[in-house]
Amino acid sequence: EDQPEGVYMLLVSLAAGCLLATSALQRSPPARRRCSRSRLLTLQVNSDSRATQEYFDFLLGKTEIEPTEDQPSVIVGGGKIGEMLREFGERRGFEDVVLGRGEAIPSGHPGPVYLAVPAAELDAAIELCPEEKRDDLVFLSDGQLEPLFQRHGLYGPCQASLWLALMRRGGKPVDGRVTDLSGTTDGLSRVHGKWSGAFAMRMGTGGILCREANQRDARRTTLEKLVFVTAYNLVGAAHGGLSMGEVAGKHGEEVGAMCRELASFVRYTLSVSLFSGLDDRLPDYARTMEVLPT
């Protein structure tokens, strides 16, 4: 059914508002200040270019990360994702520590800490983590988490973008694999950071293909997932609560146009260009997640 132009623009506005509200990354330009010539000379002499170089290496994904392997871990959250990770670890003979809401993260545990909780609960989970363990946090929630990282002073944390479907706790996950124009089938899940190797190995135990990526590409994947979730859920809800597959099959042009507009929004507000092939990849993923509700 064709939607009036006003309804379509309302959906785009709502979707763009979701992205803008979560990003909160725009900054006003700093006010100009005059410096004396002697002050400028002092700044030039005392500045250290190594910090600047390290930051640029981080942005370009050149920061080297030590290889890690799956091992006994801490899992915060006993929901669908938390139980899936625990079960995958059990297959490898590991006994993980599973924590519920409000439980403090142990400081002496040597492995990664998987935060399998909704994004709204991440602030509380971080507060319950000792300072010496915050470098071991692995963020698994969808959404734009960069403002959260900034608030807590987390520099380059380990973060995964999960492209899969899990209908119930203890159920079998469906991997979001898609086939590109060359006929190559690949999973869309990505992970970056200190424990990326350990997480990818654990996911592989359950048949989920999760690839390690540099920070720049992992960020693009995370933002693409945000575009997908925002657009497909809004269009599905506007048409009476359709499944992801139904949105792709019945309203492909509508949701595709919204995804393109949101991708453009990401590019011009966050200076991040998403991967090419968006128009084919997202509908393909939606059809793989056919019964996933919006």
Protein backbone atom coordinates (compact mmCIF):
# COMPACT_ATOMS: atom_id res chain seq x y z
CA GLU A 1 0.00 0.00 0.00
CA ASP A 2 1.41 3.39 -0.98
CA GLN A 3 2.03 5.74 1.90
CA PRO A 4 1.36 9.51 1.66
CA GLU A 5 4.46 11.65 1.30
CA GLY A 6 3.85 13.15 4.74
CA VAL A 7 3.95 9.74 6.43
CA TYR A 8 7.20 8.84 4.67
CA MET A 9 8.88 12.11 5.66
CA LEU A 10 7.67 11.60 9.23
CA LEU A 11 9.32 8.17 9.32
CA VAL A 12 12.58 9.58 7.97
CA SER A 13 12.46 12.40 10.53
CA LEU A 14 11.85 9.90 13.34
CA ALA A 15 14.68 7.68 12.14
CA ALA A 16 17.10 10.58 11.77
CA GLY A 17 16.06 11.77 15.22
CA CYS A 18 16.92 8.37 16.69
CA LEU A 19 20.39 8.50 15.19
CA LEU A 20 21.00 12.11 16.16
CA ALA A 21 19.77 11.61 19.72
CA THR A 22 22.10 8.66 20.26
CA SER A 23 25.14 10.10 18.54
CA ALA A 24 25.46 13.42 20.40
CA LEU A 25 28.82 13.83 18.73
CA GLN A 26 28.43 17.20 17.07
CA ARG A 27 30.44 19.93 18.63
CA SER A 28 30.44 23.68 18.18
CA PRO A 29 33.69 25.09 16.75
CA PRO A 30 36.00 26.39 19.47
CA ALA A 31 36.27 30.14 19.90
CA ARG A 32 39.40 31.67 18.41
CA ARG A 33 42.00 32.96 20.80
CA ARG A 34 45.02 35.09 20.06
CA CYS A 35 48.40 33.78 21.11
CA SER A 36 51.56 35.79 21.30
CA ARG A 37 54.49 34.73 19.15
CA SER A 38 56.43 33.65 22.23
CA ARG A 39 53.50 31.49 23.36
CA LEU A 40 53.32 29.81 19.96
CA LEU A 41 57.04 29.07 20.08
CA THR A 42 56.64 27.51 23.53
CA LEU A 43 53.81 25.28 22.30
CA GLN A 44 55.91 24.14 19.35
CA VAL A 45 58.88 23.27 21.53
CA ASN A 46 56.94 21.46 24.28
CA SER A 47 54.41 19.51 22.17
CA ASP A 48 54.96 15.78 21.72
CA SER A 49 53.85 14.38 18.35
CA ARG A 50 53.72 10.78 19.60
CA ALA A 51 50.30 11.19 21.23
CA THR A 52 48.93 12.69 18.02
CA GLN A 53 50.38 9.87 15.94
CA GLU A 54 48.93 7.24 18.30
CA TYR A 55 45.51 8.85 18.00
CA PHE A 56 45.65 8.88 14.19
CA ASP A 57 46.80 5.25 14.17
CA PHE A 58 43.79 4.43 16.34
CA LEU A 59 41.39 6.21 13.97
CA LEU A 60 42.91 4.48 10.93
CA GLY A 61 42.81 1.06 12.55
CA LYS A 62 46.59 0.70 12.70
CA THR A 63 46.75 0.04 16.44
CA GLU A 64 48.21 -3.42 16.97
CA ILE A 65 46.16 -5.79 19.12
CA GLU A 66 47.67 -8.81 20.81
CA PRO A 67 46.07 -12.12 19.71
CA THR A 68 43.73 -13.66 22.27
CA GLU A 69 41.99 -17.04 22.57
CA ASP A 70 38.73 -18.12 24.13
CA GLN A 71 38.98 -18.79 27.86
CA PRO A 72 36.85 -18.75 31.04
CA SER A 73 35.07 -15.40 31.06
CA VAL A 74 32.71 -13.17 32.99
CA ILE A 75 29.26 -12.72 31.44
CA VAL A 76 27.07 -9.89 32.70
CA GLY A 77 23.45 -10.72 31.90
CA GLY A 78 21.66 -14.04 31.77
CA GLY A 79 19.30 -13.26 28.90
CA LYS A 80 19.31 -14.69 25.37
CA ILE A 81 22.80 -13.44 24.38
CA GLY A 82 24.33 -14.11 27.79
CA GLU A 83 23.01 -17.67 27.85
CA MET A 84 24.21 -18.23 24.27
CA LEU A 85 27.76 -17.16 25.22
CA ARG A 86 27.71 -19.32 28.34
CA GLU A 87 26.55 -22.35 26.36
CA PHE A 88 29.24 -21.80 23.70
CA GLY A 89 31.86 -21.61 26.46
CA GLU A 90 30.53 -24.77 28.06
CA ARG A 91 31.07 -26.61 24.78
CA ARG A 92 34.76 -25.77 25.08
CA GLY A 93 34.88 -26.96 28.69
CA PHE A 94 34.90 -23.49 30.29
CA GLU A 95 33.06 -22.53 33.45
CA ASP A 96 32.13 -18.88 33.08
CA VAL A 97 31.07 -16.51 35.84
CA VAL A 98 27.54 -15.31 35.03
CA LEU A 99 26.40 -12.16 36.84
CA GLY A 100 22.91 -10.75 37.19
CA ARG A 101 21.70 -7.15 37.36
CA GLY A 102 23.42 -5.19 40.14
CA GLU A 103 26.22 -7.70 40.80
CA ALA A 104 29.77 -6.36 40.95
CA ILE A 105 32.32 -7.59 38.41
CA PRO A 106 35.17 -9.48 40.16
CA SER A 107 38.52 -7.71 39.93
CA GLY A 108 40.64 -10.86 40.05
CA HIS A 109 39.18 -12.70 37.05
CA PRO A 110 41.77 -12.70 34.24
CA GLY A 111 39.52 -13.08 31.17
CA PRO A 112 37.15 -10.87 29.18
CA VAL A 113 33.94 -9.40 30.59
CA TYR A 114 31.03 -9.75 28.15
CA LEU A 115 28.33 -7.13 28.70
CA ALA A 116 25.24 -8.97 27.43
CA VAL A 117 22.77 -6.38 28.71
CA PRO A 118 20.55 -3.77 27.01
CA ALA A 119 22.21 -0.47 26.15
CA ALA A 120 20.12 1.30 28.82
CA GLU A 121 21.87 -0.78 31.52
CA LEU A 122 25.45 -0.24 30.37
CA ASP A 123 26.11 2.80 32.57
CA ALA A 124 25.23 0.80 35.68
CA ALA A 125 27.29 -2.19 34.52
CA ILE A 126 30.37 -0.01 33.95
CA GLU A 127 29.99 1.58 37.39
CA LEU A 128 30.06 -1.91 38.92
CA CYS A 129 33.31 -2.73 37.13
CA PRO A 130 36.61 -2.09 38.96
CA GLU A 131 38.93 0.35 37.21
CA GLU A 132 41.54 -2.36 36.63
CA LYS A 133 38.98 -4.50 34.72
CA ARG A 134 37.45 -1.84 32.48
CA ASP A 135 40.00 -2.58 29.77
CA ASP A 136 38.52 -6.11 29.63
CA LEU A 137 34.93 -5.03 28.93
CA VAL A 138 33.39 -6.31 25.69
CA PHE A 139 30.32 -4.36 24.55
CA LEU A 140 27.66 -6.36 22.69
CA SER A 141 24.69 -3.96 22.61
CA ASP A 142 23.30 -2.41 19.45
CA GLY A 143 23.18 1.35 19.08
CA GLN A 144 25.50 4.34 19.08
CA LEU A 145 27.66 3.74 22.15
CA GLU A 146 30.36 6.34 21.49
CA PRO A 147 28.84 8.96 23.85
CA LEU A 148 28.81 6.27 26.56
CA PHE A 149 32.50 5.55 25.97
CA GLN A 150 33.27 9.26 26.19
CA ARG A 151 31.38 9.67 29.47
CA HIS A 152 33.35 6.87 31.09
CA GLY A 153 36.72 7.68 29.52
CA LEU A 154 36.94 4.38 27.62
CA TYR A 155 39.51 4.64 24.83
CA GLY A 156 39.11 2.06 22.05
CA PRO A 157 37.08 -0.51 24.02
CA CYS A 158 36.34 -3.96 22.66
CA GLN A 159 33.01 -3.87 20.85
CA ALA A 160 31.09 -6.39 18.75
CA SER A 161 28.31 -5.86 16.22
CA LEU A 162 26.12 -8.96 16.22
CA TRP A 163 24.15 -9.75 13.07
CA LEU A 164 22.13 -12.77 14.16
CA ALA A 165 18.68 -13.79 15.36
CA LEU A 166 17.92 -15.54 18.63
CA MET A 167 14.21 -16.01 19.24
CA ARG A 168 14.32 -17.41 22.77
CA ARG A 169 16.70 -18.03 25.64
CA GLY A 170 18.55 -21.28 25.04
CA GLY A 171 17.42 -21.41 21.41
CA LYS A 172 19.63 -21.94 18.37
CA PRO A 173 20.96 -18.67 16.91
CA VAL A 174 20.55 -17.94 13.20
CA ASP A 175 23.67 -16.42 11.67
CA GLY A 176 23.05 -13.38 9.47
CA ARG A 177 25.04 -14.53 6.46
CA VAL A 178 24.49 -12.82 3.12
CA THR A 179 25.68 -13.45 -0.43
CA ASP A 180 27.27 -10.59 -2.37
CA LEU A 181 27.11 -9.98 -6.12
CA SER A 182 30.17 -12.17 -6.71
CA GLY A 183 28.40 -15.12 -5.11
CA THR A 184 30.50 -15.08 -1.93
CA THR A 185 28.61 -15.84 1.28
CA ASP A 186 29.89 -14.23 4.46
CA GLY A 187 28.71 -13.37 7.95
CA LEU A 188 28.17 -9.72 8.88
CA SER A 189 29.13 -9.88 12.57
CA ARG A 190 32.33 -8.00 13.44
CA VAL A 191 34.40 -7.39 16.54
CA HIS A 192 37.29 -5.07 17.35
CA GLY A 193 39.46 -4.57 20.40
CA LYS A 194 41.56 -6.33 23.01
CA TRP A 195 39.46 -9.51 23.22
CA SER A 196 38.37 -9.68 19.58
CA GLY A 197 40.16 -12.98 18.93
CA ALA A 198 38.66 -14.64 22.01
CA PHE A 199 35.15 -13.46 21.12
CA ALA A 200 35.39 -14.51 17.46
CA MET A 201 36.62 -17.95 18.56
CA ARG A 202 33.75 -18.39 20.99
CA MET A 203 31.18 -17.38 18.38
CA GLY A 204 32.74 -19.82 15.94
CA THR A 205 32.14 -22.61 18.46
CA GLY A 206 28.43 -22.06 17.92
CA GLY A 207 28.68 -21.79 14.14
CA ILE A 208 28.43 -17.98 14.08
CA LEU A 209 30.92 -16.35 11.72
CA CYS A 210 32.29 -13.24 13.43
CA ARG A 211 35.33 -11.61 11.87
CA GLU A 212 37.92 -9.43 13.56
CA ALA A 213 38.08 -5.94 12.05
CA ASN A 214 40.09 -2.78 12.50
CA GLN A 215 38.45 0.04 14.46
CA ARG A 216 37.41 2.03 11.40
CA ASP A 217 35.65 -0.87 9.66
CA ALA A 218 34.08 -2.13 12.88
CA ARG A 219 32.62 1.33 13.44
CA ARG A 220 31.13 1.34 9.96
CA THR A 221 29.53 -2.05 10.60
CA THR A 222 28.09 -0.90 13.93
CA LEU A 223 26.55 2.19 12.35
CA GLU A 224 25.16 0.13 9.47
CA LYS A 225 23.43 -2.13 12.00
CA LEU A 226 21.97 0.99 13.64
CA VAL A 227 20.64 2.16 10.27
CA PHE A 228 19.11 -1.28 9.65
CA VAL A 229 17.44 -1.57 13.07
CA THR A 230 16.11 2.00 12.94
CA ALA A 231 14.68 1.87 9.40
CA TYR A 232 13.27 -1.65 9.37
CA ASN A 233 11.63 -1.36 12.79
CA LEU A 234 10.03 1.98 11.92
CA VAL A 235 8.67 0.80 8.58
CA GLY A 236 7.49 -2.48 10.09
CA ALA A 237 5.71 -0.69 12.93
CA ALA A 238 4.12 1.82 10.54
CA HIS A 239 2.58 -1.05 8.57
CA GLY A 240 1.05 -2.81 11.53
CA GLY A 241 3.95 -4.78 13.00
CA LEU A 242 5.52 -6.78 10.18
CA SER A 243 8.46 -9.15 10.41
CA MET A 244 11.84 -8.14 9.00
CA GLY A 245 11.30 -10.42 6.00
CA GLU A 246 7.89 -8.90 5.30
CA VAL A 247 9.33 -5.38 5.39
CA ALA A 248 11.96 -6.38 2.81
CA GLY A 249 9.45 -8.23 0.64
CA LYS A 250 6.47 -5.88 0.73
CA HIS A 251 7.98 -2.46 1.33
CA GLY A 252 11.48 -2.79 -0.10
CA GLU A 253 11.52 0.55 -1.94
CA GLU A 254 10.24 2.45 1.08
CA VAL A 255 12.70 0.98 3.58
CA GLY A 256 15.55 1.12 1.05
CA ALA A 257 15.03 4.85 0.52
CA MET A 258 15.02 5.38 4.28
CA CYS A 259 18.24 3.39 4.71
CA ARG A 260 19.95 5.47 2.04
CA GLU A 261 18.85 8.71 3.69
CA LEU A 262 20.05 7.54 7.08
CA ALA A 263 23.38 6.44 5.59
CA SER A 264 23.73 9.91 4.10
CA PHE A 265 22.87 11.39 7.50
CA VAL A 266 25.63 9.30 9.12
CA ARG A 267 28.11 10.42 6.49
CA TYR A 268 27.47 14.14 6.92
CA THR A 269 27.12 14.20 10.73
CA LEU A 270 29.72 11.64 11.82
CA SER A 271 31.97 11.72 8.71
CA VAL A 272 31.59 7.95 8.31
CA SER A 273 30.84 6.40 4.92
CA LEU A 274 29.15 3.02 5.15
CA PHE A 275 30.28 0.12 2.99
CA SER A 276 29.05 -0.01 -0.60
CA GLY A 277 26.32 -2.51 -1.47
CA LEU A 278 23.94 -1.34 1.25
CA ASP A 279 20.89 -1.67 -1.04
CA ASP A 280 21.56 -5.38 -1.58
CA ARG A 281 23.07 -6.35 1.76
CA LEU A 282 20.37 -5.10 4.14
CA PRO A 283 17.38 -6.68 2.33
CA ASP A 284 19.36 -9.91 2.04
CA TYR A 285 19.99 -9.87 5.78
CA ALA A 286 16.32 -9.06 6.48
CA ARG A 287 15.23 -12.05 4.43
CA THR A 288 17.65 -14.25 6.39
CA MET A 289 16.03 -12.92 9.59
CA GLU A 290 12.61 -13.53 8.00
CA VAL A 291 10.59 -14.20 11.15
CA LEU A 292 12.34 -11.63 13.37
CA PRO A 293 9.61 -9.22 14.53
CA THR A 294 9.83 -5.44 14.29
